[in-house]
PDB file of all heavy atoms in Angstrom:
ATOM      1  N   GLN A   1       9.975   8.275  18.096  1.00  0.00           N
ATOM      2  CA  GLN A   1      10.211   9.119  16.913  1.00  0.00           C
ATOM      3  C   GLN A   1       9.854   8.359  15.630  1.00  0.00           C
ATOM      4  O   GLN A   1       9.218   8.940  14.755  1.00  0.00           O
ATOM      5  CB  GLN A   1      11.689   9.516  16.869  1.00  0.00           C
ATOM      6  CG  GLN A   1      12.129  10.511  17.931  1.00  0.00           C
ATOM      7  CD  GLN A   1      13.630  10.766  17.845  1.00  0.00           C
ATOM      8  OE1 GLN A   1      14.404  10.006  18.418  1.00  0.00           O
ATOM      9  NE2 GLN A   1      14.023  11.796  17.147  1.00  0.00           N
ATOM     10  N   MET A   2      10.286   7.127  15.587  1.00  0.00           N
ATOM     11  CA  MET A   2       9.975   6.341  14.380  1.00  0.00           C
ATOM     12  C   MET A   2       8.476   6.133  14.220  1.00  0.00           C
ATOM     13  O   MET A   2       7.952   6.228  13.160  1.00  0.00           O
ATOM     14  CB  MET A   2      10.711   4.989  14.462  1.00  0.00           C
ATOM     15  CG  MET A   2      10.495   4.106  13.247  1.00  0.00           C
ATOM     16  SD  MET A   2      10.999   4.874  11.693  1.00  0.00           S
ATOM     17  CE  MET A   2      12.788   4.843  11.895  1.00  0.00           C
ATOM     18  N   LEU A   3       7.788   5.858  15.320  1.00  0.00           N
ATOM     19  CA  LEU A   3       6.351   5.670  15.268  1.00  0.00           C
ATOM     20  C   LEU A   3       5.694   6.940  14.791  1.00  0.00           C
ATOM     21  O   LEU A   3       4.746   6.922  13.965  1.00  0.00           O
ATOM     22  CB  LEU A   3       5.818   5.258  16.640  1.00  0.00           C
ATOM     23  CG  LEU A   3       4.306   4.987  16.731  1.00  0.00           C
ATOM     24  CD1 LEU A   3       3.920   3.874  15.804  1.00  0.00           C
ATOM     25  CD2 LEU A   3       3.926   4.638  18.162  1.00  0.00           C
ATOM     26  N   GLY A   4       6.175   8.114  15.235  1.00  0.00           N
ATOM     27  CA  GLY A   4       5.678   9.389  14.785  1.00  0.00           C
ATOM     28  C   GLY A   4       5.810   9.570  13.284  1.00  0.00           C
ATOM     29  O   GLY A   4       4.930  10.036  12.622  1.00  0.00           O
ATOM     30  N   HIS A   5       6.974   9.156  12.727  1.00  0.00           N
ATOM     31  CA  HIS A   5       7.193   9.214  11.286  1.00  0.00           C
ATOM     32  C   HIS A   5       6.158   8.349  10.522  1.00  0.00           C
ATOM     33  O   HIS A   5       5.587   8.768   9.522  1.00  0.00           O
ATOM     34  CB  HIS A   5       8.581   8.767  10.915  1.00  0.00           C
ATOM     35  CG  HIS A   5       9.688   9.649  11.397  1.00  0.00           C
ATOM     36  ND1 HIS A   5       9.558  11.011  11.505  1.00  0.00           N
ATOM     37  CD2 HIS A   5      10.952   9.333  11.862  1.00  0.00           C
ATOM     38  CE1 HIS A   5      10.699  11.506  11.974  1.00  0.00           C
ATOM     39  NE2 HIS A   5      11.514  10.486  12.216  1.00  0.00           N
ATOM     40  N   LEU A   6       5.983   7.125  11.049  1.00  0.00           N
ATOM     41  CA  LEU A   6       5.093   6.179  10.340  1.00  0.00           C
ATOM     42  C   LEU A   6       3.647   6.634  10.433  1.00  0.00           C
ATOM     43  O   LEU A   6       2.803   6.194   9.637  1.00  0.00           O
ATOM     44  CB  LEU A   6       5.257   4.806  10.935  1.00  0.00           C
ATOM     45  CG  LEU A   6       6.680   4.181  10.796  1.00  0.00           C
ATOM     46  CD1 LEU A   6       6.689   2.785  11.426  1.00  0.00           C
ATOM     47  CD2 LEU A   6       7.085   4.102   9.333  1.00  0.00           C
ATOM     48  N   ALA A   7       3.321   7.465  11.415  1.00  0.00           N
ATOM     49  CA  ALA A   7       1.954   7.958  11.575  1.00  0.00           C
ATOM     50  C   ALA A   7       1.595   9.127  10.652  1.00  0.00           C
ATOM     51  O   ALA A   7       0.421   9.465  10.496  1.00  0.00           O
ATOM     52  CB  ALA A   7       1.681   8.348  13.069  1.00  0.00           C
ATOM     53  N   GLU A   8       2.606   9.687  10.051  1.00  0.00           N
ATOM     54  CA  GLU A   8       2.377  10.870   9.168  1.00  0.00           C
ATOM     55  C   GLU A   8       1.518  10.444   7.983  1.00  0.00           C
ATOM     56  O   GLU A   8       1.700   9.420   7.375  1.00  0.00           O
ATOM     57  CB  GLU A   8       3.708  11.434   8.679  1.00  0.00           C
ATOM     58  CG  GLU A   8       4.523  12.066   9.782  1.00  0.00           C
ATOM     59  CD  GLU A   8       5.912  12.496   9.311  1.00  0.00           C
ATOM     60  OE1 GLU A   8       6.215  12.330   8.124  1.00  0.00           O
ATOM     61  OE2 GLU A   8       6.723  12.969  10.163  1.00  0.00           O
ATOM     62  N   GLY A   9       0.470  11.257   7.689  1.00  0.00           N
ATOM     63  CA  GLY A   9      -0.389  10.979   6.577  1.00  0.00           C
ATOM     64  C   GLY A   9      -1.526  10.002   6.893  1.00  0.00           C
ATOM     65  O   GLY A   9      -2.343   9.683   6.033  1.00  0.00           O
ATOM     66  N   LYS A  10      -1.589   9.530   8.154  1.00  0.00           N
ATOM     67  CA  LYS A  10      -2.635   8.609   8.580  1.00  0.00           C
ATOM     68  C   LYS A  10      -3.692   9.338   9.423  1.00  0.00           C
ATOM     69  O   LYS A  10      -3.445  10.430   9.974  1.00  0.00           O
ATOM     70  CB  LYS A  10      -2.004   7.478   9.408  1.00  0.00           C
ATOM     71  CG  LYS A  10      -1.049   6.596   8.634  1.00  0.00           C
ATOM     72  CD  LYS A  10      -1.806   5.695   7.675  1.00  0.00           C
ATOM     73  CE  LYS A  10      -0.889   4.661   7.061  1.00  0.00           C
ATOM     74  NZ  LYS A  10      -1.629   3.762   6.113  1.00  0.00           N
ATOM     75  N   TYR A  11      -4.851   8.729   9.568  1.00  0.00           N
ATOM     76  CA  TYR A  11      -5.868   9.189  10.509  1.00  0.00           C
ATOM     77  C   TYR A  11      -5.562   8.480  11.827  1.00  0.00           C
ATOM     78  O   TYR A  11      -5.886   7.291  11.998  1.00  0.00           O
ATOM     79  CB  TYR A  11      -7.269   8.860  10.002  1.00  0.00           C
ATOM     80  CG  TYR A  11      -8.378   9.418  10.891  1.00  0.00           C
ATOM     81  CD1 TYR A  11      -8.858  10.671  10.679  1.00  0.00           C
ATOM     82  CD2 TYR A  11      -8.890   8.663  11.953  1.00  0.00           C
ATOM     83  CE1 TYR A  11      -9.867  11.185  11.509  1.00  0.00           C
ATOM     84  CE2 TYR A  11      -9.856   9.153  12.782  1.00  0.00           C
ATOM     85  CZ  TYR A  11     -10.382  10.421  12.542  1.00  0.00           C
ATOM     86  OH  TYR A  11     -11.352  10.917  13.363  1.00  0.00           O
ATOM     87  N   VAL A  12      -4.912   9.161  12.718  1.00  0.00           N
ATOM     88  CA  VAL A  12      -4.288   8.524  13.898  1.00  0.00           C
ATOM     89  C   VAL A  12      -5.301   8.455  15.055  1.00  0.00           C
ATOM     90  O   VAL A  12      -5.867   9.482  15.492  1.00  0.00           O
ATOM     91  CB  VAL A  12      -3.046   9.262  14.378  1.00  0.00           C
ATOM     92  CG1 VAL A  12      -2.484   8.611  15.619  1.00  0.00           C
ATOM     93  CG2 VAL A  12      -1.982   9.281  13.249  1.00  0.00           C
ATOM     94  N   MET A  13      -5.521   7.252  15.553  1.00  0.00           N
ATOM     95  CA  MET A  13      -6.403   6.994  16.684  1.00  0.00           C
ATOM     96  C   MET A  13      -5.533   6.484  17.833  1.00  0.00           C
ATOM     97  O   MET A  13      -5.126   5.302  17.828  1.00  0.00           O
ATOM     98  CB  MET A  13      -7.484   5.993  16.307  1.00  0.00           C
ATOM     99  CG  MET A  13      -8.260   6.415  15.037  1.00  0.00           C
ATOM    100  SD  MET A  13      -9.382   5.145  14.385  1.00  0.00           S
ATOM    101  CE  MET A  13     -10.654   5.195  15.658  1.00  0.00           C
ATOM    102  N   ALA A  14      -5.151   7.382  18.735  1.00  0.00           N
ATOM    103  CA  ALA A  14      -4.158   7.076  19.755  1.00  0.00           C
ATOM    104  C   ALA A  14      -4.804   6.902  21.103  1.00  0.00           C
ATOM    105  O   ALA A  14      -5.606   7.748  21.529  1.00  0.00           O
ATOM    106  CB  ALA A  14      -3.130   8.191  19.820  1.00  0.00           C
ATOM    107  N   VAL A  15      -4.449   5.803  21.810  1.00  0.00           N
ATOM    108  CA  VAL A  15      -5.012   5.527  23.119  1.00  0.00           C
ATOM    109  C   VAL A  15      -3.885   5.666  24.145  1.00  0.00           C
ATOM    110  O   VAL A  15      -2.885   4.959  24.107  1.00  0.00           O
ATOM    111  CB  VAL A  15      -5.591   4.117  23.172  1.00  0.00           C
ATOM    112  CG1 VAL A  15      -6.185   3.861  24.543  1.00  0.00           C
ATOM    113  CG2 VAL A  15      -6.678   3.949  22.110  1.00  0.00           C
ATOM    114  N   ALA A  16      -4.074   6.617  25.083  1.00  0.00           N
ATOM    115  CA  ALA A  16      -3.106   6.866  26.132  1.00  0.00           C
ATOM    116  C   ALA A  16      -3.748   6.615  27.487  1.00  0.00           C
ATOM    117  O   ALA A  16      -4.959   6.593  27.627  1.00  0.00           O
ATOM    118  CB  ALA A  16      -2.627   8.313  26.064  1.00  0.00           C
ATOM    119  N   GLY A  17      -2.897   6.422  28.502  1.00  0.00           N
ATOM    120  CA  GLY A  17      -3.368   6.197  29.872  1.00  0.00           C
ATOM    121  C   GLY A  17      -2.388   5.352  30.657  1.00  0.00           C
ATOM    122  O   GLY A  17      -1.696   4.523  30.078  1.00  0.00           O
ATOM    123  N   THR A  18      -2.371   5.550  31.948  1.00  0.00           N
ATOM    124  CA  THR A  18      -1.454   4.797  32.772  1.00  0.00           C
ATOM    125  C   THR A  18      -1.950   3.333  32.984  1.00  0.00           C
ATOM    126  O   THR A  18      -1.182   2.503  33.458  1.00  0.00           O
ATOM    127  CB  THR A  18      -1.251   5.454  34.149  1.00  0.00           C
ATOM    128  OG1 THR A  18      -2.549   5.899  34.632  1.00  0.00           O
ATOM    129  CG2 THR A  18      -0.360   6.678  34.016  1.00  0.00           C
ATOM    130  N   HIS A  19      -3.172   3.047  32.640  1.00  0.00           N
ATOM    131  CA  HIS A  19      -3.643   1.661  32.535  1.00  0.00           C
ATOM    132  C   HIS A  19      -4.842   1.623  31.594  1.00  0.00           C
ATOM    133  O   HIS A  19      -5.528   2.633  31.407  1.00  0.00           O
ATOM    134  CB  HIS A  19      -3.948   1.042  33.907  1.00  0.00           C
ATOM    135  CG  HIS A  19      -4.823   1.886  34.775  1.00  0.00           C
ATOM    136  ND1 HIS A  19      -6.193   1.903  34.676  1.00  0.00           N
ATOM    137  CD2 HIS A  19      -4.531   2.761  35.769  1.00  0.00           C
ATOM    138  CE1 HIS A  19      -6.709   2.757  35.566  1.00  0.00           C
ATOM    139  NE2 HIS A  19      -5.734   3.304  36.228  1.00  0.00           N
ATOM    140  N   GLY A  20      -5.083   0.455  31.020  1.00  0.00           N
ATOM    141  CA  GLY A  20      -6.215   0.293  30.128  1.00  0.00           C
ATOM    142  C   GLY A  20      -5.934   0.502  28.644  1.00  0.00           C
ATOM    143  O   GLY A  20      -6.779   0.176  27.824  1.00  0.00           O
ATOM    144  N   LYS A  21      -4.747   1.052  28.363  1.00  0.00           N
ATOM    145  CA  LYS A  21      -4.531   1.468  26.940  1.00  0.00           C
ATOM    146  C   LYS A  21      -4.323   0.284  25.990  1.00  0.00           C
ATOM    147  O   LYS A  21      -4.695   0.366  24.814  1.00  0.00           O
ATOM    148  CB  LYS A  21      -3.400   2.448  26.849  1.00  0.00           C
ATOM    149  CG  LYS A  21      -2.056   1.996  27.375  1.00  0.00           C
ATOM    150  CD  LYS A  21      -1.028   3.125  27.238  1.00  0.00           C
ATOM    151  CE  LYS A  21       0.298   2.744  27.856  1.00  0.00           C
ATOM    152  NZ  LYS A  21       0.232   2.724  29.363  1.00  0.00           N
ATOM    153  N   THR A  22      -3.732  -0.815  26.465  1.00  0.00           N
ATOM    154  CA  THR A  22      -3.433  -1.898  25.559  1.00  0.00           C
ATOM    155  C   THR A  22      -4.738  -2.590  25.066  1.00  0.00           C
ATOM    156  O   THR A  22      -4.928  -2.808  23.861  1.00  0.00           O
ATOM    157  CB  THR A  22      -2.520  -2.921  26.199  1.00  0.00           C
ATOM    158  OG1 THR A  22      -1.292  -2.294  26.557  1.00  0.00           O
ATOM    159  CG2 THR A  22      -2.221  -4.050  25.248  1.00  0.00           C
ATOM    160  N   THR A  23      -5.587  -2.962  25.995  1.00  0.00           N
ATOM    161  CA  THR A  23      -6.855  -3.589  25.576  1.00  0.00           C
ATOM    162  C   THR A  23      -7.707  -2.625  24.739  1.00  0.00           C
ATOM    163  O   THR A  23      -8.280  -3.000  23.727  1.00  0.00           O
ATOM    164  CB  THR A  23      -7.639  -4.040  26.845  1.00  0.00           C
ATOM    165  OG1 THR A  23      -6.871  -5.013  27.530  1.00  0.00           O
ATOM    166  CG2 THR A  23      -9.001  -4.624  26.440  1.00  0.00           C
ATOM    167  N   THR A  24      -7.738  -1.360  25.145  1.00  0.00           N
ATOM    168  CA  THR A  24      -8.581  -0.370  24.413  1.00  0.00           C
ATOM    169  C   THR A  24      -8.041  -0.161  23.022  1.00  0.00           C
ATOM    170  O   THR A  24      -8.837  -0.136  22.056  1.00  0.00           O
ATOM    171  CB  THR A  24      -8.610   0.971  25.195  1.00  0.00           C
ATOM    172  OG1 THR A  24      -9.081   0.704  26.515  1.00  0.00           O
ATOM    173  CG2 THR A  24      -9.517   1.936  24.515  1.00  0.00           C
ATOM    174  N   SER A  25      -6.761   0.038  22.821  1.00  0.00           N
ATOM    175  CA  SER A  25      -6.206   0.291  21.489  1.00  0.00           C
ATOM    176  C   SER A  25      -6.341  -0.972  20.592  1.00  0.00           C
ATOM    177  O   SER A  25      -6.610  -0.862  19.391  1.00  0.00           O
ATOM    178  CB  SER A  25      -4.767   0.709  21.542  1.00  0.00           C
ATOM    179  OG  SER A  25      -3.976  -0.233  22.235  1.00  0.00           O
TER     180      SER A  25
END
């Protein structure tokens, strides 16, 4: 929830996935 608040007003580039997301983001 807090991360969602901090993302408001930003150009959000979100990386999701059950693996690979940490290196990719």
